[in-house]
Amino acid sequence: MKSSVRVCLERPSLRREAEFLTLERVSRRLHRPWVTAPSTREAYRAYLARCRKRSNRSFFVAIQETREIAGVVNISEIVRGSFRSAYLGYYAFRPHAARGLMSAGLSLVLDHAFGEMELHRLEANVQPGNRASIRLIRRLGFRREGLSPKYLKIGGRWRDHERWAILAEDWR
């Protein structure tokens, strides 16, 4: 899997289950109301099953030196053919948030998506109040395309999302 000086990417696996569930537990306050990560063995295993589908690619962003999981990046609903597009989702874990690790990890994922996967477009949908996430994708070169009212149901509520996207030719 690809790596940078600070982080590397690895595929989610059963051997990481206990670590992932512990990180999810200590990160709940960080994640709410932005994302709901798998929080039980059953939910984690269902996540692993989704990771194996052709329409999804998932990565753990791991710290190069310690191999601790710093965050998660998911490419989902991959459509091939003349569309070559997908959705991008991501979240960091405590205590690794706000250290530039997700920026480094997402850069590796974008290299992979626009290189080996030959995608043309990635779309990230972010709740308007999630300023840290918006700063991150803006820094990576995503452009805001609009607002999607009540776009995703998270934490039992339909939430508005800003639609951000990046094209292969705009990535570095």
Foldseek 3Di string as FASTA:
>chain_A
DDADPWWGKDADDPVCVVLVLVQLVQCVVVCPPWARQDNDPVSSVVVSVQCPDPQKHKIFIATPPPRRGFKIKMWGRQDDDPQLETEIDMDTTPPNPPPCSVLRVVLVVLCCSCPVVVGFKYKYWGAPVPVVVVVSVVVQPWDFDAKDALPDQGPNGRGITTITMDGSVRGD
